[in-house]
Amino acid sequence: MAEDMAAMGFDPERIEAFRDRSLCDDEDEVVKVWPENADAVNVFVRCDWERQAISDGHTSRLLPVGINGAEIRNVAELLAVPRDRWPRLLDDVRRMVSTVLPALQRG
């Protein structure tokens, strides 16, 4: 599996570090990424989320509000994603953000 992940662009050292921690022994919990989605997943998991302070009058907390397009571009560039893939990459990462954002904000 580590070889497949490395072929999709994941860092082999990070794969081994994850494996050593034994965070996921259940095969049903493993997320499989198709090669055509590897760039988007790699960028998505490495981006920093923008957060905004939300107050209910008594307490305040920081909630994730999204990932800045410049952050996506910077991470894509650092990961050496070819520029001709950036338009689709941007769309894919934004789609991922919109999918997980409601769950993160409920947290």
PDB file of N, CA and C in Angstrom:
ATOM      1  N   MET A   1       0.814  -1.193   0.000  1.00  0.00           N
ATOM      2  CA  MET A   1       0.000   0.000   0.000  1.00  0.00           C
ATOM      3  C   MET A   1       0.853   1.251   0.000  1.00  0.00           C
ATOM      4  N   ALA A   2       1.970   1.232   0.732  1.00  0.00           N
ATOM      5  CA  ALA A   2       2.851   2.398   0.767  1.00  0.00           C
ATOM      6  C   ALA A   2       3.367   2.727  -0.631  1.00  0.00           C
ATOM      7  N   GLU A   3       3.631   1.692  -1.423  1.00  0.00           N
ATOM      8  CA  GLU A   3       4.102   1.927  -2.788  1.00  0.00           C
ATOM      9  C   GLU A   3       3.032   2.606  -3.631  1.00  0.00           C
ATOM     10  N   ASP A   4       1.771   2.174  -3.466  1.00  0.00           N
ATOM     11  CA  ASP A   4       0.667   2.793  -4.194  1.00  0.00           C
ATOM     12  C   ASP A   4       0.509   4.252  -3.786  1.00  0.00           C
ATOM     13  N   MET A   5       0.605   4.513  -2.488  1.00  0.00           N
ATOM     14  CA  MET A   5       0.471   5.888  -1.991  1.00  0.00           C
ATOM     15  C   MET A   5       1.610   6.749  -2.525  1.00  0.00           C
ATOM     16  N   ALA A   6       2.831   6.227  -2.520  1.00  0.00           N
ATOM     17  CA  ALA A   6       3.973   6.979  -3.034  1.00  0.00           C
ATOM     18  C   ALA A   6       3.794   7.265  -4.520  1.00  0.00           C
ATOM     19  N   ALA A   7       3.247   6.300  -5.268  1.00  0.00           N
ATOM     20  CA  ALA A   7       3.014   6.506  -6.698  1.00  0.00           C
ATOM     21  C   ALA A   7       2.000   7.610  -6.942  1.00  0.00           C
ATOM     22  N   MET A   8       1.106   7.843  -5.969  1.00  0.00           N
ATOM     23  CA  MET A   8       0.111   8.902  -6.100  1.00  0.00           C
ATOM     24  C   MET A   8       0.621  10.239  -5.592  1.00  0.00           C
ATOM     25  N   GLY A   9       1.878  10.268  -5.122  1.00  0.00           N
ATOM     26  CA  GLY A   9       2.454  11.540  -4.709  1.00  0.00           C
ATOM     27  C   GLY A   9       2.566  11.752  -3.216  1.00  0.00           C
ATOM     28  N   PHE A  10       2.131  10.792  -2.396  1.00  0.00           N
ATOM     29  CA  PHE A  10       2.272  10.948  -0.961  1.00  0.00           C
ATOM     30  C   PHE A  10       3.735  10.737  -0.572  1.00  0.00           C
ATOM     31  N   ASP A  11       4.177  11.459   0.411  1.00  0.00           N
ATOM     32  CA  ASP A  11       5.546  11.373   0.887  1.00  0.00           C
ATOM     33  C   ASP A  11       5.758  10.035   1.604  1.00  0.00           C
ATOM     34  N   PRO A  12       6.704   9.200   1.133  1.00  0.00           N
ATOM     35  CA  PRO A  12       6.929   7.887   1.756  1.00  0.00           C
ATOM     36  C   PRO A  12       7.275   7.973   3.243  1.00  0.00           C
ATOM     37  N   GLU A  13       8.003   9.000   3.667  1.00  0.00           N
ATOM     38  CA  GLU A  13       8.345   9.140   5.085  1.00  0.00           C
ATOM     39  C   GLU A  13       7.097   9.384   5.929  1.00  0.00           C
ATOM     40  N   ARG A  14       6.174  10.188   5.406  1.00  0.00           N
ATOM     41  CA  ARG A  14       4.939  10.452   6.148  1.00  0.00           C
ATOM     42  C   ARG A  14       4.073   9.197   6.202  1.00  0.00           C
ATOM     43  N   ILE A  15       4.116   8.403   5.140  1.00  0.00           N
ATOM     44  CA  ILE A  15       3.348   7.155   5.137  1.00  0.00           C
ATOM     45  C   ILE A  15       3.876   6.239   6.235  1.00  0.00           C
ATOM     46  N   GLU A  16       5.186   6.100   6.322  1.00  0.00           N
ATOM     47  CA  GLU A  16       5.786   5.237   7.337  1.00  0.00           C
ATOM     48  C   GLU A  16       5.510   5.758   8.743  1.00  0.00           C
ATOM     49  N   ALA A  17       5.575   7.083   8.918  1.00  0.00           N
ATOM     50  CA  ALA A  17       5.293   7.664  10.234  1.00  0.00           C
ATOM     51  C   ALA A  17       3.851   7.360  10.637  1.00  0.00           C
ATOM     52  N   PHE A  18       2.943   7.466   9.696  1.00  0.00           N
ATOM     53  CA  PHE A  18       1.537   7.153   9.972  1.00  0.00           C
ATOM     54  C   PHE A  18       1.382   5.681  10.332  1.00  0.00           C
ATOM     55  N   ARG A  19       2.033   4.831   9.570  1.00  0.00           N
ATOM     56  CA  ARG A  19       1.935   3.390   9.810  1.00  0.00           C
ATOM     57  C   ARG A  19       2.484   3.041  11.186  1.00  0.00           C
ATOM     58  N   ASP A  20       3.584   3.663  11.588  1.00  0.00           N
ATOM     59  CA  ASP A  20       4.192   3.373  12.882  1.00  0.00           C
ATOM     60  C   ASP A  20       3.264   3.715  14.039  1.00  0.00           C
ATOM     61  N   ARG A  21       2.437   4.720  13.868  1.00  0.00           N
ATOM     62  CA  ARG A  21       1.516   5.122  14.941  1.00  0.00           C
ATOM     63  C   ARG A  21       0.327   4.181  15.036  1.00  0.00           C
ATOM     64  N   SER A  22       0.128   3.335  14.043  1.00  0.00           N
ATOM     65  CA  SER A  22      -0.982   2.377  14.028  1.00  0.00           C
ATOM     66  C   SER A  22      -2.315   3.056  14.317  1.00  0.00           C
ATOM     67  N   LEU A  23      -2.553   4.160  13.635  1.00  0.00           N
ATOM     68  CA  LEU A  23      -3.794   4.890  13.858  1.00  0.00           C
ATOM     69  C   LEU A  23      -4.998   4.204  13.229  1.00  0.00           C
ATOM     70  N   CYS A  24      -4.746   3.365  12.263  1.00  0.00           N
ATOM     71  CA  CYS A  24      -5.876   2.775  11.556  1.00  0.00           C
ATOM     72  C   CYS A  24      -5.592   1.299  11.265  1.00  0.00           C
ATOM     73  N   ASP A  25      -6.060   0.441  12.155  1.00  0.00           N
ATOM     74  CA  ASP A  25      -5.876  -0.994  11.954  1.00  0.00           C
ATOM     75  C   ASP A  25      -7.032  -1.624  11.197  1.00  0.00           C
ATOM     76  N   ASP A  26      -8.129  -0.906  11.063  1.00  0.00           N
ATOM     77  CA  ASP A  26      -9.336  -1.420  10.426  1.00  0.00           C
ATOM     78  C   ASP A  26      -9.336  -1.068   8.942  1.00  0.00           C
ATOM     79  N   GLU A  27      -9.293  -2.070   8.095  1.00  0.00           N
ATOM     80  CA  GLU A  27      -9.260  -1.854   6.647  1.00  0.00           C
ATOM     81  C   GLU A  27     -10.462  -1.044   6.159  1.00  0.00           C
ATOM     82  N   ASP A  28     -11.612  -1.152   6.853  1.00  0.00           N
ATOM     83  CA  ASP A  28     -12.807  -0.403   6.469  1.00  0.00           C
ATOM     84  C   ASP A  28     -12.640   1.097   6.677  1.00  0.00           C
ATOM     85  N   GLU A  29     -11.678   1.500   7.495  1.00  0.00           N
ATOM     86  CA  GLU A  29     -11.453   2.910   7.787  1.00  0.00           C
ATOM     87  C   GLU A  29     -10.429   3.546   6.838  1.00  0.00           C
ATOM     88  N   VAL A  30      -9.803   2.753   5.991  1.00  0.00           N
ATOM     89  CA  VAL A  30      -8.782   3.260   5.075  1.00  0.00           C
ATOM     90  C   VAL A  30      -9.456   3.997   3.925  1.00  0.00           C
ATOM     91  N   VAL A  31      -8.952   5.167   3.617  1.00  0.00           N
ATOM     92  CA  VAL A  31      -9.470   5.945   2.500  1.00  0.00           C
ATOM     93  C   VAL A  31      -8.603   5.664   1.287  1.00  0.00           C
ATOM     94  N   LYS A  32      -9.228   5.228   0.211  1.00  0.00           N
ATOM     95  CA  LYS A  32      -8.503   4.959  -1.023  1.00  0.00           C
ATOM     96  C   LYS A  32      -8.736   6.123  -1.978  1.00  0.00           C
ATOM     97  N   VAL A  33      -7.655   6.597  -2.566  1.00  0.00           N
ATOM     98  CA  VAL A  33      -7.719   7.756  -3.458  1.00  0.00           C
ATOM     99  C   VAL A  33      -7.367   7.314  -4.867  1.00  0.00           C
ATOM    100  N   TRP A  34      -8.247   7.631  -5.808  1.00  0.00           N
ATOM    101  CA  TRP A  34      -7.961   7.325  -7.201  1.00  0.00           C
ATOM    102  C   TRP A  34      -6.837   8.236  -7.676  1.00  0.00           C
ATOM    103  N   PRO A  35      -5.989   7.738  -8.578  1.00  0.00           N
ATOM    104  CA  PRO A  35      -4.845   8.531  -9.045  1.00  0.00           C
ATOM    105  C   PRO A  35      -5.231   9.911  -9.588  1.00  0.00           C
ATOM    106  N   GLU A  36      -6.367  10.012 -10.273  1.00  0.00           N
ATOM    107  CA  GLU A  36      -6.755  11.308 -10.834  1.00  0.00           C
ATOM    108  C   GLU A  36      -7.162  12.319  -9.764  1.00  0.00           C
ATOM    109  N   ASN A  37      -7.362  11.856  -8.525  1.00  0.00           N
ATOM    110  CA  ASN A  37      -7.710  12.752  -7.421  1.00  0.00           C
ATOM    111  C   ASN A  37      -6.547  12.997  -6.464  1.00  0.00           C
ATOM    112  N   ALA A  38      -5.422  12.361  -6.718  1.00  0.00           N
ATOM    113  CA  ALA A  38      -4.295  12.433  -5.783  1.00  0.00           C
ATOM    114  C   ALA A  38      -3.809  13.861  -5.562  1.00  0.00           C
ATOM    115  N   ASP A  39      -3.679  14.663  -6.620  1.00  0.00           N
ATOM    116  CA  ASP A  39      -3.206  16.038  -6.445  1.00  0.00           C
ATOM    117  C   ASP A  39      -4.137  16.824  -5.528  1.00  0.00           C
ATOM    118  N   ALA A  40      -5.439  16.709  -5.749  1.00  0.00           N
ATOM    119  CA  ALA A  40      -6.402  17.459  -4.937  1.00  0.00           C
ATOM    120  C   ALA A  40      -6.347  17.020  -3.477  1.00  0.00           C
ATOM    121  N   VAL A  41      -6.257  15.736  -3.227  1.00  0.00           N
ATOM    122  CA  VAL A  41      -6.193  15.243  -1.849  1.00  0.00           C
ATOM    123  C   VAL A  41      -4.896  15.702  -1.188  1.00  0.00           C
ATOM    124  N   ASN A  42      -3.786  15.572  -1.882  1.00  0.00           N
ATOM    125  CA  ASN A  42      -2.496  16.004  -1.318  1.00  0.00           C
ATOM    126  C   ASN A  42      -2.510  17.484  -0.967  1.00  0.00           C
ATOM    127  N   VAL A  43      -3.058  18.303  -1.841  1.00  0.00           N
ATOM    128  CA  VAL A  43      -3.119  19.746  -1.577  1.00  0.00           C
ATOM    129  C   VAL A  43      -4.080  20.022  -0.431  1.00  0.00           C
ATOM    130  N   PHE A  44      -5.263  19.432  -0.484  1.00  0.00           N
ATOM    131  CA  PHE A  44      -6.294  19.660   0.531  1.00  0.00           C
ATOM    132  C   PHE A  44      -5.787  19.383   1.942  1.00  0.00           C
ATOM    133  N   VAL A  45      -5.135  18.245   2.146  1.00  0.00           N
ATOM    134  CA  VAL A  45      -4.709  17.873   3.502  1.00  0.00           C
ATOM    135  C   VAL A  45      -3.548  18.721   4.009  1.00  0.00           C
ATOM    136  N   ARG A  46      -2.871  19.432   3.109  1.00  0.00           N
ATOM    137  CA  ARG A  46      -1.734  20.253   3.530  1.00  0.00           C
ATOM    138  C   ARG A  46      -2.069  21.739   3.672  1.00  0.00           C
ATOM    139  N   CYS A  47      -3.244  22.140   3.256  1.00  0.00           N
ATOM    140  CA  CYS A  47      -3.621  23.558   3.334  1.00  0.00           C
ATOM    141  C   CYS A  47      -4.041  23.943   4.747  1.00  0.00           C
ATOM    142  N   ASP A  48      -3.747  25.195   5.109  1.00  0.00           N
ATOM    143  CA  ASP A  48      -4.226  25.759   6.364  1.00  0.00           C
ATOM    144  C   ASP A  48      -5.592  26.380   6.134  1.00  0.00           C
ATOM    145  N   TRP A  49      -6.491  26.140   7.051  1.00  0.00           N
ATOM    146  CA  TRP A  49      -7.843  26.690   6.964  1.00  0.00           C
ATOM    147  C   TRP A  49      -7.864  28.109   7.509  1.00  0.00           C
ATOM    148  N   GLU A  50      -8.660  28.958   6.869  1.00  0.00           N
ATOM    149  CA  GLU A  50      -8.928  30.279   7.429  1.00  0.00           C
ATOM    150  C   GLU A  50      -9.975  30.092   8.511  1.00  0.00           C
ATOM    151  N   ARG A  51      -9.845  30.856   9.589  1.00  0.00           N
ATOM    152  CA  ARG A  51     -10.785  30.751  10.695  1.00  0.00           C
ATOM    153  C   ARG A  51     -11.319  32.127  11.049  1.00  0.00           C
ATOM    154  N   GLN A  52     -12.514  32.144  11.579  1.00  0.00           N
ATOM    155  CA  GLN A  52     -13.147  33.398  11.962  1.00  0.00           C
ATOM    156  C   GLN A  52     -13.717  33.228  13.368  1.00  0.00           C
ATOM    157  N   ALA A  53     -13.546  34.271  14.199  1.00  0.00           N
ATOM    158  CA  ALA A  53     -14.088  34.233  15.554  1.00  0.00           C
ATOM    159  C   ALA A  53     -15.593  34.446  15.498  1.00  0.00           C
ATOM    160  N   ILE A  54     -16.325  33.541  16.125  1.00  0.00           N
ATOM    161  CA  ILE A  54     -17.784  33.614  16.194  1.00  0.00           C
ATOM    162  C   ILE A  54     -18.159  33.687  17.674  1.00  0.00           C
ATOM    163  N   SER A  55     -19.023  34.636  18.012  1.00  0.00           N
ATOM    164  CA  SER A  55     -19.438  34.801  19.399  1.00  0.00           C
ATOM    165  C   SER A  55     -20.943  34.630  19.510  1.00  0.00           C
ATOM    166  N   ASP A  56     -21.376  33.956  20.580  1.00  0.00           N
ATOM    167  CA  ASP A  56     -22.815  33.829  20.832  1.00  0.00           C
ATOM    168  C   ASP A  56     -23.252  34.792  21.941  1.00  0.00           C
ATOM    169  N   GLY A  57     -22.407  35.720  22.305  1.00  0.00           N
ATOM    170  CA  GLY A  57     -22.700  36.671  23.363  1.00  0.00           C
ATOM    171  C   GLY A  57     -22.064  36.293  24.686  1.00  0.00           C
ATOM    172  N   HIS A  58     -21.798  35.025  24.874  1.00  0.00           N
ATOM    173  CA  HIS A  58     -21.192  34.557  26.119  1.00  0.00           C
ATOM    174  C   HIS A  58     -19.788  34.014  25.887  1.00  0.00           C
ATOM    175  N   THR A  59     -19.645  33.268  24.833  1.00  0.00           N
ATOM    176  CA  THR A  59     -18.343  32.684  24.495  1.00  0.00           C
ATOM    177  C   THR A  59     -18.009  32.975  23.047  1.00  0.00           C
ATOM    178  N   SER A  60     -16.777  32.791  22.757  1.00  0.00           N
ATOM    179  CA  SER A  60     -16.321  33.001  21.386  1.00  0.00           C
ATOM    180  C   SER A  60     -15.444  31.813  21.004  1.00  0.00           C
ATOM    181  N   ARG A  61     -15.539  31.415  19.755  1.00  0.00           N
ATOM    182  CA  ARG A  61     -14.674  30.329  19.279  1.00  0.00           C
ATOM    183  C   ARG A  61     -14.317  30.581  17.825  1.00  0.00           C
ATOM    184  N   LEU A  62     -13.217  29.980  17.422  1.00  0.00           N
ATOM    185  CA  LEU A  62     -12.767  30.103  16.041  1.00  0.00           C
ATOM    186  C   LEU A  62     -13.351  28.962  15.223  1.00  0.00           C
ATOM    187  N   LEU A  63     -14.030  29.322  14.148  1.00  0.00           N
ATOM    188  CA  LEU A  63     -14.599  28.316  13.260  1.00  0.00           C
ATOM    189  C   LEU A  63     -13.904  28.378  11.905  1.00  0.00           C
ATOM    190  N   PRO A  64     -13.663  27.226  11.310  1.00  0.00           N
ATOM    191  CA  PRO A  64     -13.108  27.234   9.955  1.00  0.00           C
ATOM    192  C   PRO A  64     -14.127  27.821   8.985  1.00  0.00           C
ATOM    193  N   VAL A  65     -13.633  28.641   8.054  1.00  0.00           N
ATOM    194  CA  VAL A  65     -14.533  29.242   7.068  1.00  0.00           C
ATOM    195  C   VAL A  65     -14.130  28.906   5.633  1.00  0.00           C
ATOM    196  N   GLY A  66     -12.987  28.295   5.444  1.00  0.00           N
ATOM    197  CA  GLY A  66     -12.573  27.917   4.101  1.00  0.00           C
ATOM    198  C   GLY A  66     -11.070  27.900   3.948  1.00  0.00           C
ATOM    199  N   ILE A  67     -10.645  27.656   2.720  1.00  0.00           N
ATOM    200  CA  ILE A  67      -9.224  27.679   2.368  1.00  0.00           C
ATOM    201  C   ILE A  67      -9.061  28.724   1.275  1.00  0.00           C
ATOM    202  N   ASN A  68      -8.173  29.650   1.502  1.00  0.00           N
ATOM    203  CA  ASN A  68      -7.905  30.729   0.559  1.00  0.00           C
ATOM    204  C   ASN A  68      -7.324  30.166  -0.735  1.00  0.00           C
ATOM    205  N   GLY A  69      -7.751  30.729  -1.858  1.00  0.00           N
ATOM    206  CA  GLY A  69      -7.243  30.288  -3.159  1.00  0.00           C
ATOM    207  C   GLY A  69      -5.732  30.419  -3.276  1.00  0.00           C
ATOM    208  N   ALA A  70      -5.170  31.460  -2.659  1.00  0.00           N
ATOM    209  CA  ALA A  70      -3.712  31.633  -2.683  1.00  0.00           C
ATOM    210  C   ALA A  70      -3.015  30.508  -1.923  1.00  0.00           C
ATOM    211  N   GLU A  71      -3.633  30.027  -0.863  1.00  0.00           N
ATOM    212  CA  GLU A  71      -3.076  28.905  -0.098  1.00  0.00           C
ATOM    213  C   GLU A  71      -3.052  27.656  -0.971  1.00  0.00           C
ATOM    214  N   ILE A  72      -4.136  27.421  -1.703  1.00  0.00           N
ATOM    215  CA  ILE A  72      -4.196  26.266  -2.599  1.00  0.00           C
ATOM    216  C   ILE A  72      -3.089  26.370  -3.650  1.00  0.00           C
ATOM    217  N   ARG A  73      -2.937  27.558  -4.247  1.00  0.00           N
ATOM    218  CA  ARG A  73      -1.902  27.759  -5.261  1.00  0.00           C
ATOM    219  C   ARG A  73      -0.509  27.533  -4.669  1.00  0.00           C
ATOM    220  N   ASN A  74      -0.248  28.082  -3.490  1.00  0.00           N
ATOM    221  CA  ASN A  74       1.070  27.943  -2.871  1.00  0.00           C
ATOM    222  C   ASN A  74       1.404  26.483  -2.572  1.00  0.00           C
ATOM    223  N   VAL A  75       0.434  25.756  -2.046  1.00  0.00           N
ATOM    224  CA  VAL A  75       0.670  24.343  -1.738  1.00  0.00           C
ATOM    225  C   VAL A  75       0.871  23.551  -3.028  1.00  0.00           C
ATOM    226  N   ALA A  76       0.058  23.834  -4.039  1.00  0.00           N
ATOM    227  CA  ALA A  76       0.220  23.146  -5.328  1.00  0.00           C
ATOM    228  C   ALA A  76       1.610  23.399  -5.901  1.00  0.00           C
ATOM    229  N   GLU A  77       2.069  24.621  -5.781  1.00  0.00           N
ATOM    230  CA  GLU A  77       3.396  24.953  -6.295  1.00  0.00           C
ATOM    231  C   GLU A  77       4.484  24.229  -5.503  1.00  0.00           C
ATOM    232  N   LEU A  78       4.349  24.197  -4.178  1.00  0.00           N
ATOM    233  CA  LEU A  78       5.330  23.495  -3.344  1.00  0.00           C
ATOM    234  C   LEU A  78       5.358  21.998  -3.624  1.00  0.00           C
ATOM    235  N   LEU A  79       4.208  21.439  -3.982  1.00  0.00           N
ATOM    236  CA  LEU A  79       4.134  20.012  -4.287  1.00  0.00           C
ATOM    237  C   LEU A  79       4.450  19.715  -5.749  1.00  0.00           C
ATOM    238  N   ALA A  80       4.795  20.752  -6.496  1.00  0.00           N
ATOM    239  CA  ALA A  80       5.182  20.620  -7.906  1.00  0.00           C
ATOM    240  C   ALA A  80       4.059  20.045  -8.776  1.00  0.00           C
ATOM    241  N   VAL A  81       2.822  20.435  -8.463  1.00  0.00           N
ATOM    242  CA  VAL A  81       1.703  20.049  -9.330  1.00  0.00           C
ATOM    243  C   VAL A  81       1.833  20.872 -10.612  1.00  0.00           C
ATOM    244  N   PRO A  82       1.841  20.235 -11.764  1.00  0.00           N
ATOM    245  CA  PRO A  82       1.979  20.982 -13.020  1.00  0.00           C
ATOM    246  C   PRO A  82       0.900  22.059 -13.157  1.00  0.00           C
ATOM    247  N   ARG A  83       1.281  23.225 -13.635  1.00  0.00           N
ATOM    248  CA  ARG A  83       0.360  24.370 -13.726  1.00  0.00           C
ATOM    249  C   ARG A  83      -0.867  24.098 -14.584  1.00  0.00           C
ATOM    250  N   ASP A  84      -0.745  23.251 -15.576  1.00  0.00           N
ATOM    251  CA  ASP A  84      -1.921  22.988 -16.409  1.00  0.00           C
ATOM    252  C   ASP A  84      -3.016  22.236 -15.645  1.00  0.00           C
ATOM    253  N   ARG A  85      -2.690  21.681 -14.483  1.00  0.00           N
ATOM    254  CA  ARG A  85      -3.680  20.994 -13.649  1.00  0.00           C
ATOM    255  C   ARG A  85      -4.314  21.921 -12.607  1.00  0.00           C
ATOM    256  N   TRP A  86      -3.791  23.123 -12.436  1.00  0.00           N
ATOM    257  CA  TRP A  86      -4.263  24.011 -11.368  1.00  0.00           C
ATOM    258  C   TRP A  86      -5.738  24.380 -11.458  1.00  0.00           C
ATOM    259  N   PRO A  87      -6.293  24.682 -12.643  1.00  0.00           N
ATOM    260  CA  PRO A  87      -7.717  25.043 -12.668  1.00  0.00           C
ATOM    261  C   PRO A  87      -8.621  23.929 -12.112  1.00  0.00           C
ATOM    262  N   ARG A  88      -8.393  22.696 -12.538  1.00  0.00           N
ATOM    263  CA  ARG A  88      -9.199  21.582 -12.015  1.00  0.00           C
ATOM    264  C   ARG A  88      -8.902  21.369 -10.536  1.00  0.00           C
ATOM    265  N   LEU A  89      -7.634  21.495 -10.165  1.00  0.00           N
ATOM    266  CA  LEU A  89      -7.234  21.327  -8.773  1.00  0.00           C
ATOM    267  C   LEU A  89      -7.982  22.315  -7.872  1.00  0.00           C
ATOM    268  N   LEU A  90      -8.042  23.566  -8.296  1.00  0.00           N
ATOM    269  CA  LEU A  90      -8.741  24.589  -7.530  1.00  0.00           C
ATOM    270  C   LEU A  90     -10.207  24.198  -7.351  1.00  0.00           C
ATOM    271  N   ASP A  91     -10.853  23.782  -8.429  1.00  0.00           N
ATOM    272  CA  ASP A  91     -12.252  23.361  -8.344  1.00  0.00           C
ATOM    273  C   ASP A  91     -12.423  22.162  -7.412  1.00  0.00           C
ATOM    274  N   ASP A  92     -11.529  21.186  -7.536  1.00  0.00           N
ATOM    275  CA  ASP A  92     -11.634  19.975  -6.717  1.00  0.00           C
ATOM    276  C   ASP A  92     -11.444  20.283  -5.233  1.00  0.00           C
ATOM    277  N   VAL A  93     -10.448  21.100  -4.901  1.00  0.00           N
ATOM    278  CA  VAL A  93     -10.210  21.432  -3.492  1.00  0.00           C
ATOM    279  C   VAL A  93     -11.381  22.241  -2.944  1.00  0.00           C
ATOM    280  N   ARG A  94     -11.885  23.176  -3.713  1.00  0.00           N
ATOM    281  CA  ARG A  94     -13.047  23.950  -3.253  1.00  0.00           C
ATOM    282  C   ARG A  94     -14.262  23.054  -3.036  1.00  0.00           C
ATOM    283  N   ARG A  95     -14.434  22.052  -3.878  1.00  0.00           N
ATOM    284  CA  ARG A  95     -15.540  21.102  -3.707  1.00  0.00           C
ATOM    285  C   ARG A  95     -15.348  20.309  -2.410  1.00  0.00           C
ATOM    286  N   MET A  96     -14.123  19.917  -2.130  1.00  0.00           N
ATOM    287  CA  MET A  96     -13.841  19.187  -0.900  1.00  0.00           C
ATOM    288  C   MET A  96     -14.114  20.072   0.316  1.00  0.00           C
ATOM    289  N   VAL A  97     -13.711  21.330   0.234  1.00  0.00           N
ATOM    290  CA  VAL A  97     -13.946  22.267   1.333  1.00  0.00           C
ATOM    291  C   VAL A  97     -15.441  22.414   1.592  1.00  0.00           C
ATOM    292  N   SER A  98     -16.214  22.622   0.532  1.00  0.00           N
ATOM    293  CA  SER A  98     -17.653  22.821   0.710  1.00  0.00           C
ATOM    294  C   SER A  98     -18.337  21.574   1.260  1.00  0.00           C
ATOM    295  N   THR A  99     -17.752  20.421   1.020  1.00  0.00           N
ATOM    296  CA  THR A  99     -18.325  19.178   1.525  1.00  0.00           C
ATOM    297  C   THR A  99     -18.062  18.999   3.019  1.00  0.00           C
ATOM    298  N   VAL A 100     -16.854  19.307   3.478  1.00  0.00           N
ATOM    299  CA  VAL A 100     -16.514  19.062   4.884  1.00  0.00           C
ATOM    300  C   VAL A 100     -16.788  20.258   5.793  1.00  0.00           C
ATOM    301  N   LEU A 101     -16.937  21.440   5.227  1.00  0.00           N
ATOM    302  CA  LEU A 101     -17.097  22.651   6.038  1.00  0.00           C
ATOM    303  C   LEU A 101     -18.284  22.574   7.016  1.00  0.00           C
ATOM    304  N   PRO A 102     -19.470  22.147   6.593  1.00  0.00           N
ATOM    305  CA  PRO A 102     -20.572  22.084   7.561  1.00  0.00           C
ATOM    306  C   PRO A 102     -20.262  21.206   8.775  1.00  0.00           C
ATOM    307  N   ALA A 103     -19.606  20.075   8.553  1.00  0.00           N
ATOM    308  CA  ALA A 103     -19.255  19.179   9.671  1.00  0.00           C
ATOM    309  C   ALA A 103     -18.221  19.840  10.580  1.00  0.00           C
ATOM    310  N   LEU A 104     -17.252  20.549  10.001  1.00  0.00           N
ATOM    311  CA  LEU A 104     -16.231  21.214  10.806  1.00  0.00           C
ATOM    312  C   LEU A 104     -16.828  22.337  11.639  1.00  0.00           C
ATOM    313  N   GLN A 105     -17.797  23.026  11.097  1.00  0.00           N
ATOM    314  CA  GLN A 105     -18.405  24.135  11.823  1.00  0.00           C
ATOM    315  C   GLN A 105     -19.340  23.662  12.931  1.00  0.00           C
ATOM    316  N   ARG A 106     -19.889  22.476  12.782  1.00  0.00           N
ATOM    317  CA  ARG A 106     -20.731  21.924  13.862  1.00  0.00           C
ATOM    318  C   ARG A 106     -19.892  21.519  15.053  1.00  0.00           C
ATOM    319  N   GLY A 107     -18.675  21.009  14.742  1.00  0.00           N
ATOM    320  CA  GLY A 107     -17.747  20.482  15.720  1.00  0.00           C
ATOM    321  C   GLY A 107     -17.809  21.066  17.035  1.00  0.00           C
TER     322      GLY A 107
END
